[in-house]
Amino acid sequence: MASIDLNSDLGENSPGRIVSDDEGMLKVVTSANVSCGFHAGTPAGIQETLRNAITRGVVIGAHPSYRDFEGFGRIAMDVTGAVLQAEVEEQIATLSTWAAAAGGRVAYVKPHGALYNTIAHDEAQAAAVIAAVRAVDPGLVLLGLAGSLVLERAQRAGLAVAAESFADRGYLPDGRLVPRTEPGAVLHDPATVAERMLRLVDTGTIDAVDGTTVPVRADSICVHGDSPGAVAMALEVRRRLDAAGVRVAPFAR
């Protein structure tokens, strides 16, 4: 039987900027990418999300980003490898401490936003993130874009890796995500999103915005917590996968 993980970016709410229904999403997903505070969230809110994830048996991942709270971590930054490594280490270590205090643990790392997209192709920043993960805990799994440079480099460095696909994002013909500033970047219809993900699991392919077919080997499916109707999309994806006999389970423990 086929198996796939279902994840979402959570812990990103703060006063005046409520972007997700963490409680609702934690009833659906098997893994939670929890903000480390650099791009979104508050210490109290993040810790509450961690406690709720632990209570529901949802696997926790650290979701580090550039230091960009105002831009929600979606602005690419030209930072030195040393600075980026130190900041990613700080974020993973902080979330790990909070998770441990709540009786849980961080099992994997998924970079956020612009950092996620940059390390998919940028050698220097990918190396800094890989070094940060290894420095904090070389047993952590690195979750990244399927087919990306960072996953290849991380495997060479001895890290366990997992490949990710996106239920609610459009794809370019080369397997990269459509930039959020361009048409077709974000998908909203639950039925369409669920059908795409079922096909992904069945065939290992997804349709790009130009109609071509892109091969995607994925261990996990992401539904962004801050997308409009995110919980409804995640529920429909989960329903279709369950109905098709696909085992929905964490990729990391």
Protein backbone atom coordinates (compact mmCIF):
# COMPACT_ATOMS: atom_id res chain seq x y z
CA MET A 1 0.00 0.00 0.00
CA ALA A 2 1.28 3.48 -0.88
CA SER A 3 2.20 5.78 1.99
CA ILE A 4 2.57 9.56 2.20
CA ASP A 5 2.93 12.19 4.92
CA LEU A 6 0.67 15.25 5.14
CA ASN A 7 2.21 18.40 6.64
CA SER A 8 1.41 22.06 7.24
CA ASP A 9 3.25 25.22 8.32
CA LEU A 10 1.92 26.19 11.75
CA GLY A 11 2.75 28.33 14.79
CA GLU A 12 2.67 31.44 12.58
CA ASN A 13 -0.07 33.46 14.28
CA SER A 14 0.60 36.68 16.17
CA PRO A 15 -1.60 39.55 17.40
CA GLY A 16 -2.85 41.45 14.37
CA ARG A 17 -1.65 38.71 11.98
CA ILE A 18 -3.73 35.55 12.33
CA VAL A 19 -2.91 33.41 9.33
CA SER A 20 -3.90 29.85 10.19
CA ASP A 21 -6.24 27.58 12.12
CA ASP A 22 -3.61 25.51 13.89
CA GLU A 23 -6.10 23.58 16.01
CA GLY A 24 -8.14 22.61 12.96
CA MET A 25 -5.11 21.66 10.89
CA LEU A 26 -3.61 19.52 13.66
CA LYS A 27 -6.69 17.30 13.46
CA VAL A 28 -5.79 16.44 9.84
CA VAL A 29 -2.02 16.45 9.28
CA THR A 30 0.58 13.94 10.41
CA SER A 31 3.49 16.41 10.60
CA ALA A 32 3.64 20.06 11.68
CA ASN A 33 6.32 22.49 10.50
CA VAL A 34 6.37 24.85 13.48
CA SER A 35 7.64 28.41 13.14
CA CYS A 36 10.76 29.24 15.13
CA GLY A 37 9.77 32.89 15.49
CA PHE A 38 12.01 34.59 12.92
CA HIS A 39 9.29 35.00 10.27
CA ALA A 40 6.07 34.62 12.25
CA GLY A 41 4.48 33.65 15.55
CA THR A 42 5.07 34.48 19.19
CA PRO A 43 6.82 32.38 21.85
CA ALA A 44 3.53 31.73 23.65
CA GLY A 45 1.66 30.87 20.47
CA ILE A 46 4.41 28.64 19.15
CA GLN A 47 4.59 26.77 22.44
CA GLU A 48 0.81 26.28 22.43
CA THR A 49 1.01 24.81 18.91
CA LEU A 50 3.78 22.48 20.08
CA ARG A 51 1.68 21.28 23.01
CA ASN A 52 -1.33 20.68 20.78
CA ALA A 53 0.79 18.78 18.25
CA ILE A 54 2.21 16.56 20.98
CA THR A 55 -1.26 15.88 22.40
CA ARG A 56 -2.51 14.79 18.96
CA GLY A 57 0.54 12.69 18.15
CA VAL A 58 1.57 14.94 15.25
CA VAL A 59 5.30 14.81 14.47
CA ILE A 60 7.08 18.15 14.97
CA GLY A 61 9.45 19.80 12.53
CA ALA A 62 11.41 23.03 12.97
CA HIS A 63 10.50 25.68 10.39
CA PRO A 64 13.41 28.17 10.36
CA SER A 65 13.62 31.17 8.06
CA TYR A 66 15.52 34.30 7.26
CA ARG A 67 15.25 36.98 9.95
CA ASP A 68 12.26 38.61 8.26
CA PHE A 69 9.22 39.00 10.50
CA GLU A 70 7.85 41.96 8.57
CA GLY A 71 8.01 40.15 5.23
CA PHE A 72 6.80 36.80 6.63
CA GLY A 73 10.07 35.23 5.53
CA ARG A 74 9.21 35.58 1.87
CA ILE A 75 11.96 38.03 0.90
CA ALA A 76 15.19 36.47 -0.37
CA MET A 77 18.23 37.71 1.54
CA ASP A 78 21.91 37.82 0.71
CA VAL A 79 23.46 36.74 4.00
CA THR A 80 26.85 35.20 4.66
CA GLY A 81 27.10 31.50 5.27
CA ALA A 82 28.31 32.03 8.83
CA VAL A 83 25.39 34.30 9.73
CA LEU A 84 22.81 32.05 8.10
CA GLN A 85 24.21 28.96 9.78
CA ALA A 86 24.19 30.62 13.20
CA GLU A 87 20.63 31.89 12.79
CA VAL A 88 19.29 28.54 11.61
CA GLU A 89 21.08 26.79 14.47
CA GLU A 90 19.51 29.25 16.92
CA GLN A 91 16.03 28.61 15.59
CA ILE A 92 16.28 24.81 15.60
CA ALA A 93 17.80 24.79 19.08
CA THR A 94 15.14 27.12 20.49
CA LEU A 95 12.26 25.09 19.08
CA SER A 96 13.89 21.89 20.28
CA THR A 97 14.09 23.30 23.81
CA TRP A 98 10.44 24.34 23.77
CA ALA A 99 9.34 20.99 22.36
CA ALA A 100 11.29 19.11 25.03
CA ALA A 101 9.75 21.25 27.77
CA ALA A 102 6.31 20.26 26.46
CA GLY A 103 7.22 16.57 26.49
CA GLY A 104 8.01 16.17 22.79
CA ARG A 105 10.86 16.48 20.35
CA VAL A 106 11.76 17.97 16.99
CA ALA A 107 12.20 15.21 14.41
CA TYR A 108 12.97 17.14 11.24
CA VAL A 109 13.73 20.56 9.74
CA LYS A 110 11.87 22.26 6.90
CA PRO A 111 13.15 25.74 6.00
CA HIS A 112 10.50 28.36 5.31
CA GLY A 113 9.58 30.61 2.41
CA ALA A 114 12.34 32.41 0.57
CA LEU A 115 15.03 30.41 2.37
CA TYR A 116 13.37 27.16 1.27
CA ASN A 117 13.29 28.32 -2.34
CA THR A 118 16.85 29.70 -2.30
CA ILE A 119 18.51 26.57 -0.94
CA ALA A 120 16.77 24.52 -3.62
CA HIS A 121 19.40 25.90 -6.04
CA ASP A 122 21.96 28.05 -4.15
CA GLU A 123 25.09 26.09 -3.14
CA ALA A 124 26.34 28.45 -0.45
CA GLN A 125 23.09 28.91 1.44
CA ALA A 126 22.26 25.21 1.10
CA ALA A 127 25.62 24.38 2.67
CA ALA A 128 24.94 26.77 5.57
CA VAL A 129 21.56 25.20 6.32
CA ILE A 130 22.97 21.68 6.11
CA ALA A 131 25.82 22.63 8.46
CA ALA A 132 23.31 24.11 10.91
CA VAL A 133 21.20 20.95 11.00
CA ARG A 134 24.28 18.78 11.49
CA ALA A 135 25.57 21.04 14.26
CA VAL A 136 22.35 20.93 16.28
CA ASP A 137 21.44 17.29 15.71
CA PRO A 138 22.70 15.17 12.79
CA GLY A 139 19.80 12.78 13.44
CA LEU A 140 17.27 15.33 12.21
CA VAL A 141 15.69 14.73 8.80
CA LEU A 142 15.86 17.59 6.29
CA LEU A 143 12.61 18.13 4.39
CA GLY A 144 12.93 20.02 1.11
CA LEU A 145 11.64 20.48 -2.41
CA ALA A 146 11.60 17.25 -4.40
CA GLY A 147 14.54 17.14 -6.81
CA SER A 148 16.31 20.11 -5.21
CA LEU A 149 20.03 20.70 -4.85
CA VAL A 150 19.85 20.95 -1.06
CA LEU A 151 18.50 17.42 -0.66
CA GLU A 152 21.26 16.02 -2.85
CA ARG A 153 23.93 17.91 -0.90
CA ALA A 154 22.40 16.96 2.45
CA GLN A 155 22.49 13.26 1.58
CA ARG A 156 26.15 13.59 0.61
CA ALA A 157 26.75 15.21 4.01
CA GLY A 158 25.21 12.23 5.78
CA LEU A 159 21.79 13.65 6.65
CA ALA A 160 18.55 11.76 6.19
CA VAL A 161 16.30 13.64 3.78
CA ALA A 162 12.66 13.66 2.72
CA ALA A 163 11.22 15.13 -0.48
CA GLU A 164 8.18 17.38 -0.42
CA SER A 165 5.40 18.28 -2.85
CA PHE A 166 2.85 21.07 -2.50
CA ALA A 167 -0.89 20.53 -2.73
CA ASP A 168 -1.77 24.21 -2.99
CA ARG A 169 1.06 25.57 -5.14
CA GLY A 170 1.57 25.69 -8.89
CA TYR A 171 4.62 24.11 -10.51
CA LEU A 172 6.91 25.31 -13.28
CA PRO A 173 7.97 22.82 -15.98
CA ASP A 174 11.39 22.39 -14.32
CA GLY A 175 9.84 21.30 -11.00
CA ARG A 176 10.25 24.61 -9.17
CA LEU A 177 7.28 26.36 -7.62
CA VAL A 178 5.58 29.21 -9.45
CA PRO A 179 6.64 32.46 -7.70
CA ARG A 180 3.83 33.86 -5.57
CA THR A 181 3.86 37.06 -7.64
CA GLU A 182 2.84 35.18 -10.80
CA PRO A 183 -0.53 33.78 -11.95
CA GLY A 184 -1.21 30.19 -10.96
CA ALA A 185 1.08 30.29 -7.95
CA VAL A 186 -1.53 29.38 -5.33
CA LEU A 187 -4.41 26.93 -5.73
CA HIS A 188 -7.62 27.16 -3.71
CA ASP A 189 -10.17 24.56 -4.87
CA PRO A 190 -10.19 21.55 -2.51
CA ALA A 191 -11.42 19.07 -5.14
CA THR A 192 -8.76 20.12 -7.67
CA VAL A 193 -6.01 20.06 -5.06
CA ALA A 194 -7.04 16.63 -3.79
CA GLU A 195 -7.20 15.16 -7.30
CA ARG A 196 -3.69 16.47 -8.06
CA MET A 197 -2.30 14.88 -4.91
CA LEU A 198 -3.98 11.54 -5.52
CA ARG A 199 -2.47 11.52 -9.00
CA LEU A 200 0.91 12.43 -7.52
CA VAL A 201 0.79 9.41 -5.22
CA ASP A 202 -0.48 7.13 -8.02
CA THR A 203 1.85 8.23 -10.83
CA GLY A 204 4.66 10.32 -9.33
CA THR A 205 3.72 13.23 -11.57
CA ILE A 206 2.04 16.62 -11.33
CA ASP A 207 0.83 19.05 -14.00
CA ALA A 208 2.84 22.26 -14.44
CA VAL A 209 1.17 25.60 -15.17
CA ASP A 210 1.91 25.22 -18.88
CA GLY A 211 0.15 21.85 -19.04
CA THR A 212 3.28 19.71 -19.18
CA THR A 213 3.80 16.80 -16.81
CA VAL A 214 6.48 17.07 -14.15
CA PRO A 215 7.92 14.00 -12.39
CA VAL A 216 7.84 14.49 -8.61
CA ARG A 217 8.96 11.86 -6.08
CA ALA A 218 7.59 12.94 -2.73
CA ASP A 219 7.57 11.60 0.82
CA SER A 220 5.32 14.37 2.12
CA ILE A 221 2.54 16.67 0.90
CA CYS A 222 2.26 20.22 2.22
CA VAL A 223 -0.91 22.26 2.56
CA HIS A 224 0.13 25.75 3.64
CA GLY A 225 -1.62 26.73 6.85
CA ASP A 226 -1.91 30.35 5.71
CA SER A 227 -3.67 29.57 2.42
CA PRO A 228 -7.37 30.59 2.25
CA GLY A 229 -9.49 27.53 3.08
CA ALA A 230 -6.40 25.59 4.14
CA VAL A 231 -8.17 23.22 6.53
CA ALA A 232 -10.87 22.40 3.95
CA MET A 233 -8.16 21.60 1.40
CA ALA A 234 -6.26 19.42 3.84
CA LEU A 235 -9.43 17.58 4.81
CA GLU A 236 -10.29 16.85 1.19
CA VAL A 237 -6.76 15.68 0.40
CA ARG A 238 -6.85 13.40 3.46
CA ARG A 239 -10.32 12.11 2.55
CA ARG A 240 -9.32 11.25 -1.02
CA LEU A 241 -6.10 9.56 0.06
CA ASP A 242 -7.88 7.53 2.75
CA ALA A 243 -10.61 6.51 0.31
CA ALA A 244 -7.99 5.34 -2.19
CA GLY A 245 -6.30 3.15 0.43
CA VAL A 246 -3.24 5.35 0.73
CA ARG A 247 -1.65 5.19 4.18
CA VAL A 248 -1.19 8.72 5.53
CA ALA A 249 1.66 8.59 8.04
CA PRO A 250 4.67 10.66 9.18
CA PHE A 251 7.93 10.35 7.26
CA ALA A 252 9.93 11.00 10.45
CA ARG A 253 9.61 9.86 14.05
